[in-house]
Protein backbone atom coordinates (compact mmCIF):
# COMPACT_ATOMS: atom_id res chain seq x y z
CA MET A 1 95.24 121.96 113.58
CA LYS A 2 92.02 122.44 111.62
CA LYS A 3 94.01 123.72 108.63
CA LEU A 4 96.31 120.70 108.79
CA PHE A 5 93.26 118.43 108.66
CA ILE A 6 92.13 120.31 105.56
CA LEU A 7 95.55 119.48 104.08
CA LEU A 8 95.02 115.83 104.95
CA ILE A 9 91.74 115.92 103.06
CA LEU A 10 93.48 117.54 100.05
CA VAL A 11 96.19 114.89 100.09
CA THR A 12 93.58 112.16 99.99
CA ALA A 13 91.27 113.90 97.53
CA CYS A 14 91.93 111.62 94.57
CA SER A 15 90.04 108.77 96.19
CA SER A 16 87.22 110.76 97.65
CA ALA A 17 85.53 111.65 94.39
CA ASP A 18 81.82 111.50 95.04
CA ASN A 19 81.00 110.60 91.44
CA GLY A 20 81.72 106.96 92.18
CA ALA A 21 84.61 106.71 89.71
CA TYR A 22 87.13 105.73 92.40
CA VAL A 23 86.74 103.15 95.14
CA LYS A 24 89.04 102.03 97.94
CA SER A 25 91.18 98.95 97.43
CA LYS A 26 89.81 95.86 99.12
CA THR A 27 92.98 93.82 98.62
CA VAL A 28 95.52 95.58 100.87
CA ASN A 29 96.85 93.35 103.64
CA ASN A 30 97.16 95.78 106.57
CA GLN A 31 99.82 94.37 108.90
CA LEU A 32 100.56 97.87 110.23
CA THR A 33 97.62 98.52 112.54
CA ALA A 34 98.25 95.40 114.63
CA ASN A 35 101.95 96.27 114.95
CA LEU A 36 101.61 100.01 115.63
CA LYS A 37 103.73 101.28 118.53
CA ALA A 38 103.90 104.55 120.45
CA PRO A 39 104.42 107.37 119.79
CA TRP A 40 102.30 106.66 116.68
CA VAL A 41 98.52 106.52 117.12
CA ALA A 42 95.68 106.07 114.66
CA VAL A 43 93.61 109.21 114.09
CA GLU A 44 90.33 109.97 112.33
CA ASP A 45 91.00 109.21 108.70
CA GLU A 46 88.94 111.92 106.93
CA GLY A 47 88.79 109.82 103.77
CA SER A 48 92.18 108.09 103.95
CA ASP A 49 92.49 104.34 104.24
CA LEU A 50 94.75 104.94 107.25
CA ALA A 51 95.94 108.03 109.13
CA LEU A 52 98.51 108.02 111.93
CA ASN A 53 99.94 110.78 114.11
CA ASN A 54 103.28 110.81 115.90
CA LYS A 55 102.55 112.33 119.31
CA ASN A 56 106.19 113.41 119.73
CA THR A 57 107.06 114.95 116.37
CA LYS A 58 103.49 115.91 115.34
CA SER A 59 104.07 114.22 111.97
CA PHE A 60 101.28 112.48 110.09
CA PHE A 61 101.48 109.27 108.06
CA LEU A 62 98.70 108.73 105.53
CA PHE A 63 97.88 105.79 103.31
CA ASN A 64 95.35 106.10 100.55
CA SER A 65 94.08 103.89 97.73
CA ALA A 66 92.01 104.81 94.70
CA CYS A 67 90.86 102.15 92.25
CA ARG A 68 88.90 102.26 89.03
CA LYS A 69 88.60 100.14 85.95
CA ASN A 70 91.32 100.78 83.37
CA GLU A 71 93.35 103.13 85.60
CA MET A 72 96.42 104.11 83.57
CA SER A 73 97.82 107.31 85.09
CA ASN A 74 101.41 108.51 85.01
CA LEU A 75 103.29 108.13 88.33
CA SER A 76 104.96 111.52 88.06
CA VAL A 77 101.65 113.30 87.47
CA LEU A 78 100.01 111.38 90.31
CA THR A 79 102.77 112.27 92.76
CA ASN A 80 102.71 115.94 91.77
CA SER A 81 98.93 116.05 92.19
CA MET A 82 99.39 115.04 95.83
CA LEU A 83 100.88 118.48 96.44
CA ALA A 84 98.10 120.40 94.70
CA GLY A 85 96.84 123.12 97.01
CA ILE A 86 100.20 123.53 98.74
CA ASN A 87 101.82 126.94 98.25
CA ASN A 88 105.48 127.54 97.37
CA VAL A 89 106.24 123.87 96.69
CA ASP A 90 109.98 123.21 96.53
CA TYR A 91 110.96 119.74 95.33
CA ILE A 92 113.99 118.60 97.32
CA GLU A 93 114.28 115.14 95.79
CA ARG A 94 112.52 113.09 93.13
CA LYS A 95 113.33 109.50 92.25
CA GLN A 96 111.91 106.36 90.74
CA ILE A 97 112.24 103.17 92.80
CA GLN A 98 110.96 99.63 92.95
CA PHE A 99 108.37 99.15 95.70
CA GLN A 100 106.72 95.79 96.35
CA ASP A 101 107.77 94.68 92.84
CA ARG A 102 106.26 97.76 91.17
CA ASP A 103 107.57 101.00 89.74
CA ALA A 104 107.07 103.81 92.22
CA SER A 105 107.75 107.52 92.48
CA VAL A 106 109.17 109.14 95.61
CA VAL A 107 109.12 112.88 96.21
CA ILE A 108 110.52 114.85 99.11
CA ALA A 109 109.27 118.43 99.12
CA LYS A 110 108.45 121.40 101.27
CA GLY A 111 105.64 123.88 100.95
CA SER A 112 103.34 126.07 102.98
CA ILE A 113 99.75 125.88 104.07
CA ASP A 114 98.35 129.23 105.18
CA GLY A 115 101.92 130.46 105.59
CA ILE A 116 103.00 127.51 107.76
CA GLU A 117 105.87 125.49 106.31
CA ARG A 118 105.49 121.70 106.10
CA PHE A 119 107.72 118.94 104.76
CA PHE A 120 106.49 115.97 102.72
CA ARG A 121 107.68 112.53 101.72
CA ILE A 122 105.34 110.92 99.21
CA LEU A 123 105.53 107.48 97.64
CA THR A 124 103.11 106.67 94.82
CA THR A 125 102.69 103.38 92.99
CA GLN A 126 100.05 101.52 90.98
CA LYS A 127 98.88 97.94 90.96
CA ASN A 128 95.82 96.19 89.50
CA ASN A 129 94.02 99.38 88.43
CA CYS A 130 94.67 101.05 91.80
CA ILE A 131 96.74 104.06 92.79
CA TYR A 132 98.43 103.83 96.18
CA ASP A 133 99.79 106.89 97.98
CA PHE A 134 101.87 106.87 101.15
CA ALA A 135 102.55 110.31 102.63
CA LEU A 136 104.54 111.61 105.56
CA ILE A 137 103.78 115.20 106.56
CA ALA A 138 106.19 116.77 109.05
CA THR A 139 106.66 120.11 110.78
CA SER A 140 110.39 120.31 109.96
CA MET A 141 113.03 118.64 107.81
CA LYS A 142 114.55 117.22 111.00
CA ASN A 143 111.23 115.54 111.90
CA LEU A 144 110.76 114.32 108.33
CA GLN A 145 114.16 112.64 108.48
CA LYS A 146 113.49 111.31 111.98
CA ASP A 147 110.15 109.75 110.95
CA SER A 148 111.34 108.46 107.56
CA GLU A 149 112.50 105.16 109.06
CA ASP A 150 108.96 104.60 110.40
CA PHE A 151 107.56 105.65 107.00
CA ASP A 152 109.63 102.91 105.33
CA LYS A 153 108.48 100.31 107.87
CA PHE A 154 104.84 101.40 107.67
CA SER A 155 104.74 101.27 103.88
CA GLN A 156 106.17 97.72 103.91
CA LEU A 157 103.53 96.61 106.43
CA LEU A 158 100.76 97.64 104.01
CA LYS A 159 101.01 94.80 101.49
CA LEU A 160 99.55 95.58 98.08
CA ASN A 161 97.84 92.47 96.66
């Protein structure tokens, strides 16, 4: 579990720069927390804007924002950087979508952390000089697919303003 928390910190690393270059978005309308239902529970965020755990599947949902003046990064690069530190990354699917009226990148991948295989669904978008990452981390492809419906609902309940 401790190693998984280290992964959570890595996934959220882009906004935790201690040089002050990035700050959290103050404009997200969080309609998720008030509507959260079991088996999902909020957990210690370790630098994320929001971290949830599914008590049944052991999946994690993370939301993270990183804002700075004149942010102009490439979505593909940003999404790939979310998997930095993961070994043996295998990209299962990559696509560009529209998300809350913005271009977004979605990646489904698998990789290992200390030899333990994990599955990822990552959505990355940008708005008003901010990068927004939504990540689902699951113990199996079956759990990733099972929790993907919640991932879609959760990401819609976090309104980017």
